[in-house]
Amino acid sequence: MATSTWLITGSSRGLGLELVRQLTRSPANLVIATCRNPAEATALQTLKSDAKGPLHIVPLDVSDSASIRSSVRTVESILGDQGLDYLYNNAAISPGLEAAFDFEYSALLETLKINIAAPALISQVYLPLVEKSNRKVIVNVSTSFGSIGLDVGPLCAAYSATKAGLNMLTYKQAKAKPGLTVITLDPGWVKTDMGGPNAALEPHQSVEGQLRVVTGLTPQDSGKYFNHAGEILPW
């Protein structure tokens, strides 16, 4: 039986894929990798052959509430008597570089749905499995763009606003459930489809840092806003 159980959303590419890659290097981890269409997630499927621990790929479309809810039954059957130690709300979108008066209304609504509503619902429906576990950790992946205090400027307005909302959701979740450890985590500027080729970090560097932070969490860290290096960020 695995020592730690993990569920990662948005696992078919980018940081989600790298999280799965690094976690499955250890037989101590049971990893549940979720994505919209597992059959088309070629890179994710390839990781199965090299995984040292159990890797399960489960369909979960974060834009579809029915898909989110139905995924719970599949995950319950995988975990059996175990709970879910780490719920990692990684999936997110960004509509672009728009300023606050230039966004497309429909794009803003879709970004709100994926970046706030989805992790809120996922956390809600998976709460019994998280509470059943030993670690009881929820990680909401945010960004420095979600910090007002860091003042990152006028661009990426929709993305920034939704991540600021995710930060507040994290704070409220931590207050609502003191028995959990709920944090928001900035992975840094990473060379992914979202971060672009000029970003400062390779995916493996960000994920190595993220996992050091996440596996080292204590209940006293709940409600905090970390970056991948373990530093506390201003709200």
C-alpha atoms as a PDB file:
ATOM      1  CA  MET A   1       0.000   0.000   0.000  1.00  0.00           C
ATOM      2  CA  ALA A   2       1.287   3.471  -0.925  1.00  0.00           C
ATOM      3  CA  THR A   3       2.310   5.786   1.888  1.00  0.00           C
ATOM      4  CA  SER A   4       0.835   8.934   0.288  1.00  0.00           C
ATOM      5  CA  THR A   5      -2.108   9.415  -2.059  1.00  0.00           C
ATOM      6  CA  TRP A   6      -2.302  12.286  -4.530  1.00  0.00           C
ATOM      7  CA  LEU A   7      -4.883  13.661  -6.973  1.00  0.00           C
ATOM      8  CA  ILE A   8      -3.602  16.169  -9.544  1.00  0.00           C
ATOM      9  CA  THR A   9      -5.914  18.107 -11.881  1.00  0.00           C
ATOM     10  CA  GLY A  10      -4.746  19.287 -15.294  1.00  0.00           C
ATOM     11  CA  SER A  11      -2.229  16.455 -15.599  1.00  0.00           C
ATOM     12  CA  SER A  12      -1.983  16.092 -19.371  1.00  0.00           C
ATOM     13  CA  ARG A  13       0.636  18.825 -19.863  1.00  0.00           C
ATOM     14  CA  GLY A  14       2.765  21.499 -18.243  1.00  0.00           C
ATOM     15  CA  LEU A  15       3.187  21.560 -14.489  1.00  0.00           C
ATOM     16  CA  GLY A  16       0.506  18.933 -13.918  1.00  0.00           C
ATOM     17  CA  LEU A  17       2.355  16.467 -16.121  1.00  0.00           C
ATOM     18  CA  GLU A  18       5.642  17.253 -14.391  1.00  0.00           C
ATOM     19  CA  LEU A  19       4.042  16.780 -10.965  1.00  0.00           C
ATOM     20  CA  VAL A  20       2.900  13.323 -12.021  1.00  0.00           C
ATOM     21  CA  ARG A  21       6.321  12.521 -13.488  1.00  0.00           C
ATOM     22  CA  GLN A  22       8.158  13.394 -10.275  1.00  0.00           C
ATOM     23  CA  LEU A  23       5.642  11.826  -7.899  1.00  0.00           C
ATOM     24  CA  THR A  24       5.600   8.508  -9.741  1.00  0.00           C
ATOM     25  CA  ARG A  25       9.361   8.135  -9.301  1.00  0.00           C
ATOM     26  CA  SER A  26       8.644   6.906  -5.786  1.00  0.00           C
ATOM     27  CA  PRO A  27       6.769   3.677  -5.000  1.00  0.00           C
ATOM     28  CA  ALA A  28       5.520   5.404  -1.841  1.00  0.00           C
ATOM     29  CA  ASN A  29       3.112   7.546  -3.888  1.00  0.00           C
ATOM     30  CA  LEU A  30      -0.228   6.494  -5.317  1.00  0.00           C
ATOM     31  CA  VAL A  31      -0.968   9.111  -7.970  1.00  0.00           C
ATOM     32  CA  ILE A  32      -4.353   9.819  -9.532  1.00  0.00           C
ATOM     33  CA  ALA A  33      -3.740  11.991 -12.599  1.00  0.00           C
ATOM     34  CA  THR A  34      -6.838  13.640 -14.004  1.00  0.00           C
ATOM     35  CA  CYS A  35      -7.446  15.325 -17.345  1.00  0.00           C
ATOM     36  CA  ARG A  36     -10.272  16.004 -19.779  1.00  0.00           C
ATOM     37  CA  ASN A  37      -9.575  13.142 -22.186  1.00  0.00           C
ATOM     38  CA  PRO A  38      -7.130  10.455 -21.001  1.00  0.00           C
ATOM     39  CA  ALA A  39      -7.179   8.682 -24.370  1.00  0.00           C
ATOM     40  CA  GLU A  40      -5.619  11.739 -26.017  1.00  0.00           C
ATOM     41  CA  ALA A  41      -3.148  12.462 -23.192  1.00  0.00           C
ATOM     42  CA  THR A  42      -0.221  10.738 -24.898  1.00  0.00           C
ATOM     43  CA  ALA A  43       2.542  12.170 -22.710  1.00  0.00           C
ATOM     44  CA  LEU A  44       0.644  11.257 -19.559  1.00  0.00           C
ATOM     45  CA  GLN A  45      -0.056   7.718 -20.741  1.00  0.00           C
ATOM     46  CA  THR A  46       3.651   7.302 -21.501  1.00  0.00           C
ATOM     47  CA  LEU A  47       4.501   7.875 -17.831  1.00  0.00           C
ATOM     48  CA  LYS A  48       2.747   4.627 -16.909  1.00  0.00           C
ATOM     49  CA  SER A  49       5.617   2.511 -18.207  1.00  0.00           C
ATOM     50  CA  ASP A  50       8.186   4.275 -16.010  1.00  0.00           C
ATOM     51  CA  ALA A  51       6.076   4.747 -12.874  1.00  0.00           C
ATOM     52  CA  LYS A  52       7.622   3.193  -9.763  1.00  0.00           C
ATOM     53  CA  GLY A  53       4.347   3.523  -7.844  1.00  0.00           C
ATOM     54  CA  PRO A  54       0.669   3.186  -8.782  1.00  0.00           C
ATOM     55  CA  LEU A  55      -0.491   5.657 -11.451  1.00  0.00           C
ATOM     56  CA  HIS A  56      -4.174   5.912 -12.310  1.00  0.00           C
ATOM     57  CA  ILE A  57      -5.411   8.207 -15.076  1.00  0.00           C
ATOM     58  CA  VAL A  58      -8.974   9.376 -14.507  1.00  0.00           C
ATOM     59  CA  PRO A  59     -11.209  11.546 -16.720  1.00  0.00           C
ATOM     60  CA  LEU A  60     -12.094  14.829 -15.021  1.00  0.00           C
ATOM     61  CA  ASP A  61     -13.104  17.870 -17.065  1.00  0.00           C
ATOM     62  CA  VAL A  62     -12.776  20.874 -14.750  1.00  0.00           C
ATOM     63  CA  SER A  63     -15.180  22.869 -16.958  1.00  0.00           C
ATOM     64  CA  ASP A  64     -17.982  20.341 -16.399  1.00  0.00           C
ATOM     65  CA  SER A  65     -19.569  20.010 -12.963  1.00  0.00           C
ATOM     66  CA  ALA A  66     -21.056  16.609 -13.835  1.00  0.00           C
ATOM     67  CA  SER A  67     -17.608  15.312 -14.773  1.00  0.00           C
ATOM     68  CA  ILE A  68     -16.172  16.631 -11.504  1.00  0.00           C
ATOM     69  CA  ARG A  69     -18.879  14.946  -9.457  1.00  0.00           C
ATOM     70  CA  SER A  70     -18.775  11.632 -11.308  1.00  0.00           C
ATOM     71  CA  SER A  71     -14.993  11.390 -10.935  1.00  0.00           C
ATOM     72  CA  VAL A  72     -15.359  10.955  -7.181  1.00  0.00           C
ATOM     73  CA  ARG A  73     -16.807   7.443  -7.524  1.00  0.00           C
ATOM     74  CA  THR A  74     -13.879   6.364  -9.699  1.00  0.00           C
ATOM     75  CA  VAL A  75     -11.363   7.798  -7.250  1.00  0.00           C
ATOM     76  CA  GLU A  76     -13.124   6.149  -4.290  1.00  0.00           C
ATOM     77  CA  SER A  77     -12.819   2.779  -6.006  1.00  0.00           C
ATOM     78  CA  ILE A  78      -9.093   3.350  -6.577  1.00  0.00           C
ATOM     79  CA  LEU A  79      -8.386   4.433  -3.002  1.00  0.00           C
ATOM     80  CA  GLY A  80     -10.410   1.725  -1.300  1.00  0.00           C
ATOM     81  CA  ASP A  81      -9.971   2.201   2.453  1.00  0.00           C
ATOM     82  CA  GLN A  82      -7.455   4.995   2.005  1.00  0.00           C
ATOM     83  CA  GLY A  83      -8.199   8.699   2.057  1.00  0.00           C
ATOM     84  CA  LEU A  84      -6.736  11.391  -0.193  1.00  0.00           C
ATOM     85  CA  ASP A  85      -3.627  12.916   1.383  1.00  0.00           C
ATOM     86  CA  TYR A  86      -3.019  15.616  -1.218  1.00  0.00           C
ATOM     87  CA  LEU A  87      -5.676  17.258  -3.395  1.00  0.00           C
ATOM     88  CA  TYR A  88      -3.761  19.385  -5.911  1.00  0.00           C
ATOM     89  CA  ASN A  89      -5.949  21.903  -7.768  1.00  0.00           C
ATOM     90  CA  ASN A  90      -3.493  22.600 -10.574  1.00  0.00           C
ATOM     91  CA  ALA A  91      -5.691  23.083 -13.672  1.00  0.00           C
ATOM     92  CA  ALA A  92      -6.115  26.686 -14.820  1.00  0.00           C
ATOM     93  CA  ILE A  93      -6.423  28.879 -17.910  1.00  0.00           C
ATOM     94  CA  SER A  94      -5.425  32.400 -18.892  1.00  0.00           C
ATOM     95  CA  PRO A  95      -7.209  34.257 -21.710  1.00  0.00           C
ATOM     96  CA  GLY A  96      -4.193  36.452 -22.479  1.00  0.00           C
ATOM     97  CA  LEU A  97      -2.477  39.744 -21.694  1.00  0.00           C
ATOM     98  CA  GLU A  98      -5.590  41.939 -21.638  1.00  0.00           C
ATOM     99  CA  ALA A  99      -5.816  44.978 -19.348  1.00  0.00           C
ATOM    100  CA  ALA A 100      -8.767  45.612 -17.029  1.00  0.00           C
ATOM    101  CA  PHE A 101     -10.857  47.480 -19.610  1.00  0.00           C
ATOM    102  CA  ASP A 102      -9.998  45.266 -22.563  1.00  0.00           C
ATOM    103  CA  PHE A 103     -11.173  41.768 -21.680  1.00  0.00           C
ATOM    104  CA  GLU A 104     -13.789  39.726 -23.506  1.00  0.00           C
ATOM    105  CA  TYR A 105     -16.770  39.096 -21.231  1.00  0.00           C
ATOM    106  CA  SER A 106     -17.167  35.458 -22.278  1.00  0.00           C
ATOM    107  CA  ALA A 107     -13.458  34.816 -21.730  1.00  0.00           C
ATOM    108  CA  LEU A 108     -13.646  36.314 -18.249  1.00  0.00           C
ATOM    109  CA  LEU A 109     -16.596  34.076 -17.349  1.00  0.00           C
ATOM    110  CA  GLU A 110     -14.785  30.968 -18.605  1.00  0.00           C
ATOM    111  CA  THR A 111     -11.665  31.921 -16.646  1.00  0.00           C
ATOM    112  CA  LEU A 112     -13.738  32.398 -13.482  1.00  0.00           C
ATOM    113  CA  LYS A 113     -15.319  28.993 -14.049  1.00  0.00           C
ATOM    114  CA  ILE A 114     -12.023  27.144 -14.473  1.00  0.00           C
ATOM    115  CA  ASN A 115      -9.851  29.057 -12.012  1.00  0.00           C
ATOM    116  CA  ILE A 116     -12.266  29.545  -9.086  1.00  0.00           C
ATOM    117  CA  ALA A 117     -15.506  27.599  -9.473  1.00  0.00           C
ATOM    118  CA  ALA A 118     -13.801  24.348 -10.480  1.00  0.00           C
ATOM    119  CA  PRO A 119     -11.325  24.142  -7.569  1.00  0.00           C
ATOM    120  CA  ALA A 120     -14.106  25.214  -5.205  1.00  0.00           C
ATOM    121  CA  LEU A 121     -16.362  22.376  -6.377  1.00  0.00           C
ATOM    122  CA  ILE A 122     -13.538  19.828  -6.550  1.00  0.00           C
ATOM    123  CA  SER A 123     -12.528  20.653  -2.981  1.00  0.00           C
ATOM    124  CA  GLN A 124     -16.154  20.384  -1.876  1.00  0.00           C
ATOM    125  CA  VAL A 125     -16.906  16.991  -3.425  1.00  0.00           C
ATOM    126  CA  TYR A 126     -13.533  15.492  -2.472  1.00  0.00           C
ATOM    127  CA  LEU A 127     -13.653  16.816   1.087  1.00  0.00           C
ATOM    128  CA  PRO A 128     -14.767  13.485   2.651  1.00  0.00           C
ATOM    129  CA  LEU A 129     -11.782  11.701   1.070  1.00  0.00           C
ATOM    130  CA  VAL A 130      -9.373  14.435   2.185  1.00  0.00           C
ATOM    131  CA  GLU A 131     -10.741  14.340   5.740  1.00  0.00           C
ATOM    132  CA  LYS A 132     -10.344  10.557   5.757  1.00  0.00           C
ATOM    133  CA  SER A 133      -6.597  10.801   5.040  1.00  0.00           C
ATOM    134  CA  ASN A 134      -3.563  11.213   7.269  1.00  0.00           C
ATOM    135  CA  ARG A 135      -2.213  14.436   5.721  1.00  0.00           C
ATOM    136  CA  LYS A 136      -5.440  16.285   4.804  1.00  0.00           C
ATOM    137  CA  VAL A 137      -3.752  18.748   2.420  1.00  0.00           C
ATOM    138  CA  ILE A 138      -5.390  20.868  -0.292  1.00  0.00           C
ATOM    139  CA  VAL A 139      -3.101  22.815  -2.624  1.00  0.00           C
ATOM    140  CA  ASN A 140      -4.660  25.559  -4.751  1.00  0.00           C
ATOM    141  CA  VAL A 141      -2.147  26.553  -7.424  1.00  0.00           C
ATOM    142  CA  SER A 142      -2.139  30.329  -7.767  1.00  0.00           C
ATOM    143  CA  THR A 143       0.357  32.865  -9.144  1.00  0.00           C
ATOM    144  CA  SER A 144       2.142  36.055  -8.182  1.00  0.00           C
ATOM    145  CA  PHE A 145      -0.370  37.763 -10.487  1.00  0.00           C
ATOM    146  CA  GLY A 146      -2.996  36.993  -7.844  1.00  0.00           C
ATOM    147  CA  SER A 147      -1.195  39.179  -5.294  1.00  0.00           C
ATOM    148  CA  ILE A 148      -2.212  42.824  -4.980  1.00  0.00           C
ATOM    149  CA  GLY A 149       0.759  43.438  -2.692  1.00  0.00           C
ATOM    150  CA  LEU A 150       3.329  42.345  -5.304  1.00  0.00           C
ATOM    151  CA  ASP A 151       1.920  44.850  -7.851  1.00  0.00           C
ATOM    152  CA  VAL A 152       2.675  42.987 -11.082  1.00  0.00           C
ATOM    153  CA  GLY A 153       1.143  45.695 -13.256  1.00  0.00           C
ATOM    154  CA  PRO A 154      -1.901  46.141 -15.513  1.00  0.00           C
ATOM    155  CA  LEU A 155      -1.808  43.090 -17.788  1.00  0.00           C
ATOM    156  CA  CYS A 156      -3.422  39.637 -17.501  1.00  0.00           C
ATOM    157  CA  ALA A 157      -6.373  41.252 -15.744  1.00  0.00           C
ATOM    158  CA  ALA A 158      -8.839  38.359 -15.967  1.00  0.00           C
ATOM    159  CA  TYR A 159      -6.270  35.759 -14.945  1.00  0.00           C
ATOM    160  CA  SER A 160      -5.037  37.929 -12.066  1.00  0.00           C
ATOM    161  CA  ALA A 161      -8.541  38.626 -10.765  1.00  0.00           C
ATOM    162  CA  THR A 162      -9.481  34.944 -10.773  1.00  0.00           C
ATOM    163  CA  LYS A 163      -6.287  33.937  -8.986  1.00  0.00           C
ATOM    164  CA  ALA A 164      -6.870  36.631  -6.365  1.00  0.00           C
ATOM    165  CA  GLY A 165     -10.279  35.031  -5.914  1.00  0.00           C
ATOM    166  CA  LEU A 166      -8.646  31.615  -5.574  1.00  0.00           C
ATOM    167  CA  ASN A 167      -6.407  33.058  -2.864  1.00  0.00           C
ATOM    168  CA  MET A 168      -9.479  34.222  -0.940  1.00  0.00           C
ATOM    169  CA  LEU A 169     -11.123  30.829  -1.436  1.00  0.00           C
ATOM    170  CA  THR A 170      -8.024  29.234   0.112  1.00  0.00           C
ATOM    171  CA  TYR A 171      -8.217  31.547   3.112  1.00  0.00           C
ATOM    172  CA  LYS A 172     -11.920  30.777   3.595  1.00  0.00           C
ATOM    173  CA  GLN A 173     -11.366  27.023   3.238  1.00  0.00           C
ATOM    174  CA  ALA A 174      -8.640  27.119   5.883  1.00  0.00           C
ATOM    175  CA  LYS A 175     -10.914  29.010   8.269  1.00  0.00           C
ATOM    176  CA  ALA A 176     -13.887  26.743   7.580  1.00  0.00           C
ATOM    177  CA  LYS A 177     -11.962  23.508   8.207  1.00  0.00           C
ATOM    178  CA  PRO A 178      -9.212  23.990  10.831  1.00  0.00           C
ATOM    179  CA  GLY A 179      -8.435  20.263  10.680  1.00  0.00           C
ATOM    180  CA  LEU A 180      -7.166  20.585   7.105  1.00  0.00           C
ATOM    181  CA  THR A 181      -3.984  22.149   5.740  1.00  0.00           C
ATOM    182  CA  VAL A 182      -5.063  24.366   2.823  1.00  0.00           C
ATOM    183  CA  ILE A 183      -2.568  26.584   1.024  1.00  0.00           C
ATOM    184  CA  THR A 184      -2.280  28.612  -2.137  1.00  0.00           C
ATOM    185  CA  LEU A 185       0.952  28.134  -4.089  1.00  0.00           C
ATOM    186  CA  ASP A 186       2.695  30.252  -6.730  1.00  0.00           C
ATOM    187  CA  PRO A 187       4.738  27.918  -8.979  1.00  0.00           C
ATOM    188  CA  GLY A 188       6.781  30.796 -10.419  1.00  0.00           C
ATOM    189  CA  TRP A 189       7.210  31.878 -14.026  1.00  0.00           C
ATOM    190  CA  VAL A 190       7.655  28.540 -15.782  1.00  0.00           C
ATOM    191  CA  LYS A 191       8.360  27.470 -19.369  1.00  0.00           C
ATOM    192  CA  THR A 192       4.974  25.951 -20.125  1.00  0.00           C
ATOM    193  CA  ASP A 193       2.322  26.715 -22.733  1.00  0.00           C
ATOM    194  CA  MET A 194       0.990  29.380 -20.368  1.00  0.00           C
ATOM    195  CA  GLY A 195       4.338  30.764 -19.190  1.00  0.00           C
ATOM    196  CA  GLY A 196       5.979  30.865 -22.612  1.00  0.00           C
ATOM    197  CA  PRO A 197       9.538  30.066 -23.760  1.00  0.00           C
ATOM    198  CA  ASN A 198      11.135  33.094 -22.064  1.00  0.00           C
ATOM    199  CA  ALA A 199      10.091  32.115 -18.545  1.00  0.00           C
ATOM    200  CA  ALA A 200      12.677  31.890 -15.789  1.00  0.00           C
ATOM    201  CA  LEU A 201      12.090  28.306 -14.635  1.00  0.00           C
ATOM    202  CA  GLU A 202      12.040  24.886 -16.233  1.00  0.00           C
ATOM    203  CA  PRO A 203       9.017  22.778 -15.192  1.00  0.00           C
ATOM    204  CA  HIS A 204      11.182  20.348 -13.229  1.00  0.00           C
ATOM    205  CA  GLN A 205      12.682  23.207 -11.193  1.00  0.00           C
ATOM    206  CA  SER A 206       9.279  24.585 -10.231  1.00  0.00           C
ATOM    207  CA  VAL A 207       7.873  21.174  -9.353  1.00  0.00           C
ATOM    208  CA  GLU A 208      10.890  20.187  -7.282  1.00  0.00           C
ATOM    209  CA  GLY A 209      10.337  23.334  -5.240  1.00  0.00           C
ATOM    210  CA  GLN A 210       6.582  22.870  -5.056  1.00  0.00           C
ATOM    211  CA  LEU A 211       6.907  19.344  -3.718  1.00  0.00           C
ATOM    212  CA  ARG A 212       9.438  20.403  -1.089  1.00  0.00           C
ATOM    213  CA  VAL A 213       6.946  22.984   0.129  1.00  0.00           C
ATOM    214  CA  VAL A 214       3.893  20.735  -0.020  1.00  0.00           C
ATOM    215  CA  THR A 215       5.392  17.642   1.587  1.00  0.00           C
ATOM    216  CA  GLY A 216       6.876  19.780   4.347  1.00  0.00           C
ATOM    217  CA  LEU A 217       3.615  21.486   5.316  1.00  0.00           C
ATOM    218  CA  THR A 218       2.325  21.439   8.879  1.00  0.00           C
ATOM    219  CA  PRO A 219      -1.166  22.327  10.108  1.00  0.00           C
ATOM    220  CA  GLN A 220       0.220  25.712  11.188  1.00  0.00           C
ATOM    221  CA  ASP A 221       0.795  26.550   7.513  1.00  0.00           C
ATOM    222  CA  SER A 222      -2.896  26.366   6.635  1.00  0.00           C
ATOM    223  CA  GLY A 223      -4.256  29.515   5.042  1.00  0.00           C
ATOM    224  CA  LYS A 224      -0.855  30.745   3.852  1.00  0.00           C
ATOM    225  CA  TYR A 225       0.290  31.916   0.405  1.00  0.00           C
ATOM    226  CA  PHE A 226       3.608  30.351  -0.606  1.00  0.00           C
ATOM    227  CA  ASN A 227       5.813  30.456  -3.655  1.00  0.00           C
ATOM    228  CA  HIS A 228       7.699  27.434  -4.993  1.00  0.00           C
ATOM    229  CA  ALA A 229      10.757  28.389  -2.930  1.00  0.00           C
ATOM    230  CA  GLY A 230       8.775  28.256   0.316  1.00  0.00           C
ATOM    231  CA  GLU A 231       8.594  32.025   0.790  1.00  0.00           C
ATOM    232  CA  ILE A 232       5.414  33.658   2.088  1.00  0.00           C
ATOM    233  CA  LEU A 233       3.864  36.077  -0.430  1.00  0.00           C
ATOM    234  CA  PRO A 234       1.795  39.191   0.376  1.00  0.00           C
ATOM    235  CA  TRP A 235      -1.906  38.982  -0.359  1.00  0.00           C
END
